[in-house]
Amino acid sequence: TKTPVGAIVRVQPLEKGRGFVIGAGKDCKPRQYSTTDSGKTWSKPEPVDGGWARKVDTPTEVLTPKQPNARACGDQVVFDLSRTSAEQAEALCADGSVKVTTDGGVSWGDSGTAPGALAISNRLEGGVLSTYAARIDPKCKGIQIAKVIKGRDAEPLGCVTATVPERTGAVAISVASGTGWLLIGEDTYTSKDLKAWTKA
């Protein structure tokens, strides 16, 4: 699918055929583009209202529903951002720490650590915020998937043998109930249990 803008920082499917992306053009200002036909056509750029996204031009800041320039990781670069609701989201910081907000991005606190992580995806499981990290670990020749919960060590789940691209943003992960999608460079992997992964 041809994207409506050069730099994409968020993709959000809504229902069959409908969804939106948040991205930026040459001016680096975040805009939202929506589609009703699975990306064949896109709306004109609109201001982002109530959205979550990393900032293209300022990697230490994130756009949140209540803070347009939130510094979830202080002075560190934000590697990834994953939301669970309009009020709750987590940010992955360059040092592997995970920060959480429950007030729309106004304040941030500790949510665990994922050393070597390049991307995260989170969801509520039995009322507990669970974070899944795609990370580099010496025990895996590629990308290791680990589960992170505040107050516990990261729990390794699986390993995807692959060459890890050096460019930023080349690894992404998304999880649902017991299933997942992993992007490594140009390759996509899927899993039905978040442990064994198959190239799509």
N, C-alpha and C. Protein backbone atom coordinates (compact mmCIF):
# COMPACT_ATOMS: atom_id res chain seq x y z
N THR A 1 0.84 -1.19 0.00
CA THR A 1 0.00 0.00 0.00
C THR A 1 0.88 1.24 0.00
N LYS A 2 0.60 2.15 -0.87
CA LYS A 2 1.37 3.39 -0.92
C LYS A 2 0.93 4.29 0.23
N THR A 3 1.88 4.72 1.05
CA THR A 3 1.56 5.56 2.19
C THR A 3 1.38 7.02 1.75
N PRO A 4 0.59 7.79 2.49
CA PRO A 4 0.32 9.17 2.10
C PRO A 4 1.42 10.15 2.47
N VAL A 5 2.43 9.68 3.20
CA VAL A 5 3.48 10.57 3.69
C VAL A 5 4.77 9.79 3.86
N GLY A 6 5.90 10.47 3.82
CA GLY A 6 7.20 9.79 3.83
C GLY A 6 7.58 9.13 5.13
N ALA A 7 7.33 9.76 6.27
CA ALA A 7 7.73 9.22 7.57
C ALA A 7 6.49 8.84 8.37
N ILE A 8 6.33 7.55 8.67
CA ILE A 8 5.18 7.05 9.43
C ILE A 8 5.63 6.72 10.85
N VAL A 9 4.91 7.24 11.85
CA VAL A 9 5.24 6.94 13.24
C VAL A 9 4.15 6.13 13.95
N ARG A 10 3.00 5.97 13.30
CA ARG A 10 1.95 5.13 13.89
C ARG A 10 1.01 4.64 12.81
N VAL A 11 0.63 3.37 12.91
CA VAL A 11 -0.37 2.77 12.04
C VAL A 11 -1.46 2.22 12.95
N GLN A 12 -2.72 2.58 12.71
CA GLN A 12 -3.80 2.13 13.58
C GLN A 12 -4.98 1.62 12.76
N PRO A 13 -5.13 0.29 12.64
CA PRO A 13 -6.34 -0.24 12.01
C PRO A 13 -7.51 -0.07 12.97
N LEU A 14 -8.70 0.16 12.42
CA LEU A 14 -9.88 0.34 13.26
C LEU A 14 -10.88 -0.80 13.05
N GLU A 15 -11.25 -1.05 11.83
CA GLU A 15 -12.12 -2.16 11.48
C GLU A 15 -11.89 -2.44 10.00
N LYS A 16 -12.59 -3.39 9.43
CA LYS A 16 -12.33 -3.79 8.05
C LYS A 16 -12.32 -2.58 7.11
N GLY A 17 -11.18 -2.36 6.50
CA GLY A 17 -11.05 -1.26 5.53
C GLY A 17 -10.73 0.09 6.12
N ARG A 18 -10.99 0.28 7.42
CA ARG A 18 -10.80 1.59 8.04
C ARG A 18 -9.56 1.62 8.93
N GLY A 19 -8.92 2.78 8.95
CA GLY A 19 -7.76 2.95 9.81
C GLY A 19 -7.15 4.32 9.59
N PHE A 20 -6.05 4.57 10.28
CA PHE A 20 -5.35 5.83 10.07
C PHE A 20 -3.87 5.67 10.35
N VAL A 21 -3.10 6.60 9.84
CA VAL A 21 -1.68 6.67 10.14
C VAL A 21 -1.36 8.07 10.62
N ILE A 22 -0.34 8.17 11.44
CA ILE A 22 0.21 9.46 11.84
C ILE A 22 1.61 9.53 11.27
N GLY A 23 1.89 10.59 10.56
CA GLY A 23 3.19 10.72 9.93
C GLY A 23 3.53 12.18 9.68
N ALA A 24 4.64 12.38 9.01
CA ALA A 24 5.11 13.74 8.76
C ALA A 24 5.78 13.83 7.40
N GLY A 25 5.69 15.02 6.83
CA GLY A 25 6.35 15.29 5.57
C GLY A 25 7.64 16.06 5.81
N LYS A 26 8.02 16.87 4.84
CA LYS A 26 9.29 17.60 4.93
C LYS A 26 9.34 18.58 6.09
N ASP A 27 8.17 19.08 6.53
CA ASP A 27 8.16 20.04 7.63
C ASP A 27 8.23 19.37 9.00
N CYS A 28 8.18 18.03 9.03
CA CYS A 28 8.27 17.22 10.26
C CYS A 28 7.09 17.43 11.22
N LYS A 29 6.04 18.12 10.81
CA LYS A 29 4.88 18.30 11.68
C LYS A 29 3.97 17.08 11.58
N PRO A 30 3.60 16.49 12.72
CA PRO A 30 2.74 15.30 12.67
C PRO A 30 1.34 15.63 12.17
N ARG A 31 0.87 14.78 11.27
CA ARG A 31 -0.47 14.91 10.72
C ARG A 31 -1.10 13.52 10.69
N GLN A 32 -2.43 13.50 10.67
CA GLN A 32 -3.16 12.23 10.64
C GLN A 32 -3.84 12.08 9.29
N TYR A 33 -3.76 10.85 8.74
CA TYR A 33 -4.37 10.53 7.46
C TYR A 33 -5.24 9.29 7.67
N SER A 34 -6.47 9.32 7.20
CA SER A 34 -7.37 8.18 7.40
C SER A 34 -7.74 7.55 6.07
N THR A 35 -8.14 6.29 6.14
CA THR A 35 -8.57 5.55 4.95
C THR A 35 -9.81 4.74 5.27
N THR A 36 -10.66 4.57 4.29
CA THR A 36 -11.85 3.72 4.44
C THR A 36 -11.83 2.58 3.44
N ASP A 37 -10.76 2.47 2.65
CA ASP A 37 -10.66 1.43 1.64
C ASP A 37 -9.32 0.69 1.69
N SER A 38 -8.88 0.41 2.91
CA SER A 38 -7.65 -0.37 3.14
C SER A 38 -6.41 0.25 2.54
N GLY A 39 -6.36 1.58 2.51
CA GLY A 39 -5.16 2.26 2.07
C GLY A 39 -5.07 2.55 0.58
N LYS A 40 -6.14 2.28 -0.17
CA LYS A 40 -6.11 2.63 -1.60
C LYS A 40 -6.14 4.15 -1.77
N THR A 41 -6.92 4.81 -0.92
CA THR A 41 -6.96 6.27 -0.92
C THR A 41 -6.87 6.77 0.51
N TRP A 42 -6.39 8.01 0.66
CA TRP A 42 -6.19 8.60 1.99
C TRP A 42 -6.82 9.98 2.05
N SER A 43 -7.28 10.36 3.23
CA SER A 43 -7.84 11.69 3.44
C SER A 43 -6.74 12.74 3.33
N LYS A 44 -7.15 13.99 3.26
CA LYS A 44 -6.20 15.08 3.32
C LYS A 44 -5.60 15.10 4.74
N PRO A 45 -4.39 15.64 4.89
CA PRO A 45 -3.78 15.68 6.23
C PRO A 45 -4.60 16.49 7.22
N GLU A 46 -4.76 15.94 8.41
CA GLU A 46 -5.51 16.62 9.46
C GLU A 46 -4.63 16.75 10.71
N PRO A 47 -4.86 17.76 11.54
CA PRO A 47 -4.11 17.86 12.80
C PRO A 47 -4.37 16.62 13.65
N VAL A 48 -3.39 16.18 14.41
CA VAL A 48 -3.55 15.02 15.28
C VAL A 48 -4.31 15.46 16.52
N ASP A 49 -5.44 14.82 16.78
CA ASP A 49 -6.27 15.17 17.92
C ASP A 49 -6.45 13.94 18.80
N GLY A 50 -5.86 13.97 20.00
CA GLY A 50 -6.03 12.86 20.92
C GLY A 50 -5.21 11.64 20.58
N GLY A 51 -4.16 11.81 19.79
CA GLY A 51 -3.36 10.67 19.37
C GLY A 51 -2.06 10.50 20.13
N TRP A 52 -1.44 9.34 19.92
CA TRP A 52 -0.14 9.02 20.49
C TRP A 52 0.83 8.79 19.34
N ALA A 53 2.02 9.38 19.41
CA ALA A 53 3.01 9.14 18.36
C ALA A 53 4.38 9.64 18.80
N ARG A 54 5.42 9.01 18.27
CA ARG A 54 6.77 9.53 18.46
C ARG A 54 6.93 10.77 17.59
N LYS A 55 7.82 11.67 17.98
CA LYS A 55 8.06 12.89 17.21
C LYS A 55 9.17 12.62 16.19
N VAL A 56 8.91 12.95 14.96
CA VAL A 56 9.88 12.70 13.89
C VAL A 56 11.12 13.57 14.04
N ASP A 57 10.92 14.83 14.39
CA ASP A 57 12.04 15.78 14.43
C ASP A 57 12.69 15.92 15.80
N THR A 58 12.03 15.42 16.84
CA THR A 58 12.57 15.53 18.20
C THR A 58 12.45 14.16 18.87
N PRO A 59 13.45 13.29 18.71
CA PRO A 59 13.34 11.91 19.19
C PRO A 59 13.26 11.75 20.70
N THR A 60 13.45 12.83 21.46
CA THR A 60 13.33 12.74 22.91
C THR A 60 11.90 13.09 23.37
N GLU A 61 11.02 13.40 22.42
CA GLU A 61 9.65 13.79 22.77
C GLU A 61 8.63 12.89 22.09
N VAL A 62 7.45 12.80 22.72
CA VAL A 62 6.33 12.08 22.13
C VAL A 62 5.08 12.96 22.15
N LEU A 63 4.22 12.71 21.18
CA LEU A 63 2.93 13.39 21.11
C LEU A 63 1.91 12.55 21.85
N THR A 64 1.20 13.14 22.81
CA THR A 64 0.19 12.41 23.58
C THR A 64 -1.12 13.20 23.56
N PRO A 65 -2.22 12.57 23.99
CA PRO A 65 -3.50 13.28 23.98
C PRO A 65 -3.50 14.56 24.81
N LYS A 66 -2.66 14.62 25.86
CA LYS A 66 -2.68 15.79 26.73
C LYS A 66 -1.38 16.59 26.76
N GLN A 67 -0.35 16.08 26.08
CA GLN A 67 0.93 16.79 26.03
C GLN A 67 1.53 16.66 24.63
N PRO A 68 1.63 17.75 23.88
CA PRO A 68 2.19 17.65 22.53
C PRO A 68 3.70 17.42 22.51
N ASN A 69 4.39 17.70 23.62
CA ASN A 69 5.84 17.55 23.69
C ASN A 69 6.26 16.82 24.96
N ALA A 70 5.66 15.68 25.23
CA ALA A 70 5.95 14.94 26.47
C ALA A 70 7.34 14.33 26.40
N ARG A 71 8.07 14.43 27.52
CA ARG A 71 9.40 13.83 27.62
C ARG A 71 9.31 12.60 28.53
N ALA A 72 8.79 11.54 27.96
CA ALA A 72 8.58 10.30 28.72
C ALA A 72 9.89 9.74 29.26
N CYS A 73 10.99 9.92 28.53
CA CYS A 73 12.29 9.36 28.91
C CYS A 73 13.28 10.43 29.34
N GLY A 74 12.80 11.59 29.71
CA GLY A 74 13.70 12.67 30.09
C GLY A 74 14.48 13.15 28.89
N ASP A 75 15.80 13.13 28.99
CA ASP A 75 16.67 13.56 27.89
C ASP A 75 17.06 12.43 26.95
N GLN A 76 16.56 11.22 27.22
CA GLN A 76 16.89 10.08 26.36
C GLN A 76 15.99 10.03 25.13
N VAL A 77 16.50 9.36 24.10
CA VAL A 77 15.71 9.12 22.90
C VAL A 77 14.61 8.10 23.22
N VAL A 78 13.42 8.32 22.69
CA VAL A 78 12.32 7.37 22.81
C VAL A 78 12.38 6.42 21.62
N PHE A 79 12.67 5.14 21.87
CA PHE A 79 12.77 4.16 20.80
C PHE A 79 11.41 3.75 20.27
N ASP A 80 10.42 3.64 21.18
CA ASP A 80 9.11 3.18 20.75
C ASP A 80 8.04 3.67 21.71
N LEU A 81 6.80 3.62 21.27
CA LEU A 81 5.65 4.06 22.06
C LEU A 81 4.50 3.11 21.79
N SER A 82 3.86 2.62 22.85
CA SER A 82 2.75 1.69 22.70
C SER A 82 1.62 2.08 23.64
N ARG A 83 0.42 2.23 23.10
CA ARG A 83 -0.73 2.67 23.90
C ARG A 83 -1.66 1.50 24.22
N THR A 84 -2.36 1.63 25.36
CA THR A 84 -3.41 0.67 25.69
C THR A 84 -4.78 1.34 25.74
N SER A 85 -4.79 2.67 25.90
CA SER A 85 -6.05 3.41 25.94
C SER A 85 -5.76 4.88 25.68
N ALA A 86 -6.78 5.70 25.76
CA ALA A 86 -6.60 7.14 25.58
C ALA A 86 -5.80 7.76 26.71
N GLU A 87 -5.74 7.07 27.84
CA GLU A 87 -5.02 7.60 29.01
C GLU A 87 -3.70 6.88 29.29
N GLN A 88 -3.59 5.62 28.85
CA GLN A 88 -2.45 4.81 29.25
C GLN A 88 -1.57 4.42 28.04
N ALA A 89 -0.26 4.57 28.23
CA ALA A 89 0.70 4.16 27.21
C ALA A 89 2.06 3.94 27.86
N GLU A 90 2.94 3.27 27.13
CA GLU A 90 4.30 3.07 27.59
C GLU A 90 5.28 3.58 26.55
N ALA A 91 6.42 4.05 27.03
CA ALA A 91 7.50 4.49 26.16
C ALA A 91 8.73 3.64 26.44
N LEU A 92 9.41 3.23 25.38
CA LEU A 92 10.67 2.51 25.51
C LEU A 92 11.82 3.50 25.35
N CYS A 93 12.64 3.61 26.37
CA CYS A 93 13.76 4.55 26.36
C CYS A 93 15.03 3.88 25.84
N ALA A 94 15.98 4.70 25.39
CA ALA A 94 17.21 4.19 24.78
C ALA A 94 18.01 3.28 25.70
N ASP A 95 17.89 3.47 27.01
CA ASP A 95 18.65 2.62 27.95
C ASP A 95 17.92 1.32 28.30
N GLY A 96 16.78 1.06 27.66
CA GLY A 96 16.03 -0.17 27.92
C GLY A 96 14.97 -0.04 28.99
N SER A 97 14.90 1.10 29.65
CA SER A 97 13.85 1.29 30.64
C SER A 97 12.51 1.55 29.95
N VAL A 98 11.44 1.13 30.60
CA VAL A 98 10.09 1.32 30.08
C VAL A 98 9.35 2.25 31.03
N LYS A 99 8.76 3.30 30.49
CA LYS A 99 8.02 4.28 31.28
C LYS A 99 6.54 4.19 30.95
N VAL A 100 5.70 4.45 31.94
CA VAL A 100 4.25 4.35 31.74
C VAL A 100 3.56 5.63 32.19
N THR A 101 2.49 5.98 31.49
CA THR A 101 1.62 7.07 31.90
C THR A 101 0.19 6.56 31.97
N THR A 102 -0.55 7.06 32.93
CA THR A 102 -1.97 6.70 33.04
C THR A 102 -2.85 7.95 33.01
N ASP A 103 -2.24 9.10 32.67
CA ASP A 103 -3.00 10.35 32.63
C ASP A 103 -2.83 11.08 31.30
N GLY A 104 -2.73 10.29 30.22
CA GLY A 104 -2.67 10.90 28.90
C GLY A 104 -1.35 11.54 28.55
N GLY A 105 -0.29 11.20 29.27
CA GLY A 105 1.03 11.71 28.94
C GLY A 105 1.50 12.86 29.79
N VAL A 106 0.74 13.24 30.81
CA VAL A 106 1.14 14.35 31.68
C VAL A 106 2.31 13.93 32.56
N SER A 107 2.22 12.75 33.17
CA SER A 107 3.30 12.26 34.04
C SER A 107 3.65 10.83 33.65
N TRP A 108 4.92 10.44 33.95
CA TRP A 108 5.42 9.13 33.58
C TRP A 108 6.14 8.49 34.76
N GLY A 109 6.00 7.17 34.91
CA GLY A 109 6.66 6.45 35.98
C GLY A 109 7.29 5.16 35.47
N ASP A 110 7.96 4.44 36.34
CA ASP A 110 8.66 3.21 35.98
C ASP A 110 7.68 2.09 35.67
N SER A 111 7.99 1.32 34.60
CA SER A 111 7.14 0.19 34.24
C SER A 111 7.97 -1.05 33.91
N GLY A 112 9.22 -1.08 34.38
CA GLY A 112 10.08 -2.25 34.14
C GLY A 112 11.25 -1.91 33.23
N THR A 113 12.06 -2.93 32.95
CA THR A 113 13.22 -2.74 32.08
C THR A 113 13.29 -3.85 31.05
N ALA A 114 13.79 -3.51 29.88
CA ALA A 114 13.98 -4.46 28.80
C ALA A 114 15.29 -4.16 28.11
N PRO A 115 16.42 -4.55 28.74
CA PRO A 115 17.73 -4.25 28.17
C PRO A 115 17.85 -4.74 26.73
N GLY A 116 18.39 -3.89 25.86
CA GLY A 116 18.58 -4.26 24.46
C GLY A 116 17.35 -4.14 23.60
N ALA A 117 16.23 -3.66 24.16
CA ALA A 117 14.98 -3.59 23.40
C ALA A 117 15.04 -2.52 22.32
N LEU A 118 14.43 -2.84 21.17
CA LEU A 118 14.32 -1.92 20.04
C LEU A 118 12.88 -1.50 19.80
N ALA A 119 11.93 -2.33 20.27
CA ALA A 119 10.51 -2.04 20.05
C ALA A 119 9.68 -2.74 21.13
N ILE A 120 8.51 -2.18 21.42
CA ILE A 120 7.61 -2.79 22.41
C ILE A 120 6.17 -2.77 21.91
N SER A 121 5.38 -3.64 22.49
CA SER A 121 3.93 -3.64 22.30
C SER A 121 3.34 -4.08 23.63
N ASN A 122 2.25 -3.46 24.06
CA ASN A 122 1.70 -3.82 25.36
C ASN A 122 0.21 -4.08 25.29
N ARG A 123 -0.29 -4.75 26.32
CA ARG A 123 -1.72 -5.01 26.44
C ARG A 123 -2.04 -5.35 27.89
N LEU A 124 -3.29 -5.19 28.26
CA LEU A 124 -3.74 -5.57 29.60
C LEU A 124 -4.11 -7.04 29.59
N GLU A 125 -3.53 -7.81 30.52
CA GLU A 125 -3.82 -9.23 30.63
C GLU A 125 -4.27 -9.51 32.06
N GLY A 126 -5.54 -9.77 32.24
CA GLY A 126 -6.08 -9.98 33.57
C GLY A 126 -5.92 -8.75 34.45
N GLY A 127 -5.99 -7.58 33.83
CA GLY A 127 -5.85 -6.33 34.57
C GLY A 127 -4.41 -5.92 34.81
N VAL A 128 -3.44 -6.73 34.35
CA VAL A 128 -2.03 -6.42 34.52
C VAL A 128 -1.44 -5.92 33.21
N LEU A 129 -0.75 -4.79 33.25
CA LEU A 129 -0.12 -4.26 32.06
C LEU A 129 1.10 -5.11 31.71
N SER A 130 1.03 -5.78 30.58
CA SER A 130 2.11 -6.66 30.13
C SER A 130 2.75 -6.07 28.88
N THR A 131 4.07 -6.02 28.88
CA THR A 131 4.82 -5.44 27.78
C THR A 131 5.63 -6.52 27.09
N TYR A 132 5.58 -6.53 25.77
CA TYR A 132 6.36 -7.48 24.99
C TYR A 132 7.42 -6.70 24.23
N ALA A 133 8.68 -7.08 24.44
CA ALA A 133 9.80 -6.36 23.85
C ALA A 133 10.49 -7.20 22.79
N ALA A 134 10.82 -6.57 21.68
CA ALA A 134 11.68 -7.17 20.67
C ALA A 134 13.07 -6.61 20.93
N ARG A 135 14.00 -7.49 21.31
CA ARG A 135 15.28 -6.97 21.76
C ARG A 135 16.47 -7.79 21.26
N ILE A 136 17.63 -7.17 21.35
CA ILE A 136 18.89 -7.85 21.05
C ILE A 136 19.42 -8.43 22.35
N ASP A 137 19.74 -9.74 22.33
CA ASP A 137 20.24 -10.43 23.51
C ASP A 137 21.30 -11.42 23.07
N PRO A 138 22.41 -11.55 23.81
CA PRO A 138 23.49 -12.46 23.41
C PRO A 138 23.04 -13.91 23.23
N LYS A 139 21.95 -14.31 23.88
CA LYS A 139 21.49 -15.69 23.78
C LYS A 139 20.68 -15.97 22.51
N CYS A 140 20.46 -14.93 21.71
CA CYS A 140 19.65 -15.08 20.50
C CYS A 140 20.38 -14.44 19.32
N LYS A 141 20.59 -15.18 18.25
CA LYS A 141 21.25 -14.65 17.05
C LYS A 141 20.20 -14.01 16.15
N GLY A 142 19.67 -12.92 16.61
CA GLY A 142 18.63 -12.21 15.88
C GLY A 142 17.86 -11.33 16.84
N ILE A 143 16.55 -11.52 16.89
CA ILE A 143 15.69 -10.76 17.79
C ILE A 143 15.02 -11.69 18.79
N GLN A 144 15.19 -11.37 20.06
CA GLN A 144 14.54 -12.14 21.12
C GLN A 144 13.24 -11.42 21.53
N ILE A 145 12.20 -12.19 21.76
CA ILE A 145 10.94 -11.65 22.27
C ILE A 145 10.91 -11.93 23.77
N ALA A 146 10.68 -10.89 24.56
CA ALA A 146 10.66 -11.03 26.02
C ALA A 146 9.44 -10.32 26.59
N LYS A 147 8.91 -10.88 27.67
CA LYS A 147 7.77 -10.28 28.35
C LYS A 147 8.29 -9.49 29.55
N VAL A 148 7.80 -8.26 29.69
CA VAL A 148 8.26 -7.38 30.76
C VAL A 148 7.07 -6.96 31.62
N ILE A 149 7.20 -7.17 32.91
CA ILE A 149 6.20 -6.71 33.88
C ILE A 149 6.96 -6.00 35.00
N LYS A 150 6.45 -4.88 35.43
CA LYS A 150 7.13 -4.09 36.46
C LYS A 150 7.44 -4.95 37.69
N GLY A 151 8.67 -4.85 38.19
CA GLY A 151 9.08 -5.57 39.38
C GLY A 151 9.61 -6.96 39.12
N ARG A 152 9.65 -7.39 37.84
CA ARG A 152 10.15 -8.71 37.51
C ARG A 152 11.24 -8.59 36.44
N ASP A 153 12.12 -9.59 36.38
CA ASP A 153 13.09 -9.63 35.30
C ASP A 153 12.37 -9.94 34.00
N ALA A 154 12.92 -9.44 32.88
CA ALA A 154 12.34 -9.74 31.58
C ALA A 154 12.35 -11.25 31.35
N GLU A 155 11.22 -11.79 30.88
CA GLU A 155 11.06 -13.23 30.66
C GLU A 155 11.20 -13.55 29.17
N PRO A 156 12.31 -14.21 28.76
CA PRO A 156 12.47 -14.58 27.35
C PRO A 156 11.39 -15.55 26.91
N LEU A 157 10.80 -15.29 25.73
CA LEU A 157 9.74 -16.15 25.22
C LEU A 157 10.17 -16.91 23.97
N GLY A 158 10.85 -16.22 23.07
CA GLY A 158 11.22 -16.85 21.81
C GLY A 158 12.35 -16.10 21.15
N CYS A 159 12.91 -16.70 20.09
CA CYS A 159 14.02 -16.10 19.36
C CYS A 159 13.76 -16.24 17.87
N VAL A 160 13.95 -15.15 17.15
CA VAL A 160 13.81 -15.16 15.69
C VAL A 160 15.19 -14.96 15.10
N THR A 161 15.71 -16.00 14.45
CA THR A 161 17.04 -15.91 13.84
C THR A 161 16.95 -15.04 12.59
N ALA A 162 17.66 -13.93 12.61
CA ALA A 162 17.61 -12.99 11.49
C ALA A 162 18.74 -11.99 11.60
N THR A 163 19.06 -11.36 10.49
CA THR A 163 20.03 -10.28 10.49
C THR A 163 19.32 -9.01 10.91
N VAL A 164 19.79 -8.36 11.95
CA VAL A 164 19.13 -7.17 12.47
C VAL A 164 19.65 -5.93 11.73
N PRO A 165 18.78 -5.20 11.05
CA PRO A 165 19.20 -3.99 10.36
C PRO A 165 19.74 -2.95 11.34
N GLU A 166 20.69 -2.16 10.90
CA GLU A 166 21.31 -1.17 11.78
C GLU A 166 20.49 0.11 11.89
N ARG A 167 19.62 0.37 10.93
CA ARG A 167 18.89 1.64 10.95
C ARG A 167 17.81 1.66 12.02
N THR A 168 17.58 2.83 12.58
CA THR A 168 16.57 3.00 13.62
C THR A 168 15.17 2.78 13.04
N GLY A 169 14.32 2.13 13.81
CA GLY A 169 12.94 1.92 13.36
C GLY A 169 12.77 0.72 12.46
N ALA A 170 13.80 -0.10 12.30
CA ALA A 170 13.72 -1.25 11.39
C ALA A 170 13.12 -2.48 12.06
N VAL A 171 12.84 -2.40 13.38
CA VAL A 171 12.22 -3.51 14.11
C VAL A 171 10.95 -3.00 14.76
N ALA A 172 9.87 -3.75 14.61
CA ALA A 172 8.59 -3.38 15.23
C ALA A 172 7.87 -4.64 15.68
N ILE A 173 7.06 -4.53 16.72
CA ILE A 173 6.30 -5.67 17.22
C ILE A 173 4.89 -5.22 17.59
N SER A 174 3.93 -6.12 17.36
CA SER A 174 2.55 -5.87 17.76
C SER A 174 1.98 -7.17 18.28
N VAL A 175 1.34 -7.13 19.44
CA VAL A 175 0.77 -8.34 20.03
C VAL A 175 -0.72 -8.17 20.27
N ALA A 176 -1.42 -9.29 20.18
CA ALA A 176 -2.84 -9.35 20.53
C ALA A 176 -2.97 -10.51 21.51
N SER A 177 -4.14 -11.08 21.64
CA SER A 177 -4.35 -12.15 22.60
C SER A 177 -3.65 -13.43 22.14
N GLY A 178 -2.42 -13.64 22.64
CA GLY A 178 -1.68 -14.86 22.32
C GLY A 178 -1.09 -14.91 20.93
N THR A 179 -1.21 -13.85 20.15
CA THR A 179 -0.66 -13.84 18.80
C THR A 179 0.22 -12.60 18.63
N GLY A 180 1.04 -12.62 17.60
CA GLY A 180 1.91 -11.47 17.40
C GLY A 180 2.42 -11.34 15.98
N TRP A 181 2.87 -10.14 15.67
CA TRP A 181 3.48 -9.81 14.39
C TRP A 181 4.80 -9.12 14.70
N LEU A 182 5.85 -9.50 13.98
CA LEU A 182 7.17 -8.94 14.20
C LEU A 182 7.75 -8.52 12.86
N LEU A 183 8.23 -7.31 12.79
CA LEU A 183 8.87 -6.80 11.59
C LEU A 183 10.36 -6.65 11.87
N ILE A 184 11.18 -7.25 11.00
CA ILE A 184 12.64 -7.09 11.07
C ILE A 184 13.09 -6.68 9.68
N GLY A 185 13.43 -5.42 9.52
CA GLY A 185 13.79 -4.93 8.19
C GLY A 185 12.60 -5.03 7.25
N GLU A 186 12.77 -5.77 6.16
CA GLU A 186 11.69 -5.94 5.18
C GLU A 186 10.90 -7.23 5.41
N ASP A 187 11.26 -7.99 6.42
CA ASP A 187 10.62 -9.28 6.66
C ASP A 187 9.62 -9.23 7.81
N THR A 188 8.50 -9.91 7.64
CA THR A 188 7.46 -9.99 8.65
C THR A 188 7.34 -11.42 9.16
N TYR A 189 7.22 -11.56 10.47
CA TYR A 189 7.06 -12.86 11.11
C TYR A 189 5.76 -12.85 11.93
N THR A 190 5.11 -14.00 12.02
CA THR A 190 3.89 -14.11 12.81
C THR A 190 4.04 -15.24 13.82
N SER A 191 3.25 -15.16 14.88
CA SER A 191 3.28 -16.18 15.92
C SER A 191 1.89 -16.38 16.49
N LYS A 192 1.59 -17.63 16.85
CA LYS A 192 0.31 -17.94 17.48
C LYS A 192 0.44 -18.10 18.99
N ASP A 193 1.70 -18.08 19.49
CA ASP A 193 1.90 -18.24 20.93
C ASP A 193 2.98 -17.30 21.49
N LEU A 194 3.54 -16.44 20.65
CA LEU A 194 4.59 -15.48 21.00
C LEU A 194 5.91 -16.16 21.35
N LYS A 195 5.99 -17.46 21.06
CA LYS A 195 7.23 -18.21 21.31
C LYS A 195 7.85 -18.70 19.99
N ALA A 196 7.06 -19.37 19.18
CA ALA A 196 7.54 -19.83 17.88
C ALA A 196 7.07 -18.83 16.80
N TRP A 197 7.99 -18.42 15.96
CA TRP A 197 7.70 -17.40 14.94
C TRP A 197 7.97 -17.94 13.54
N THR A 198 7.09 -17.61 12.60
CA THR A 198 7.21 -18.08 11.22
C THR A 198 7.25 -16.88 10.29
N LYS A 199 8.14 -16.93 9.32
CA LYS A 199 8.23 -15.85 8.34
C LYS A 199 6.99 -15.86 7.47
N ALA A 200 6.37 -14.70 7.33
CA ALA A 200 5.13 -14.59 6.56
C ALA A 200 5.43 -14.57 5.07
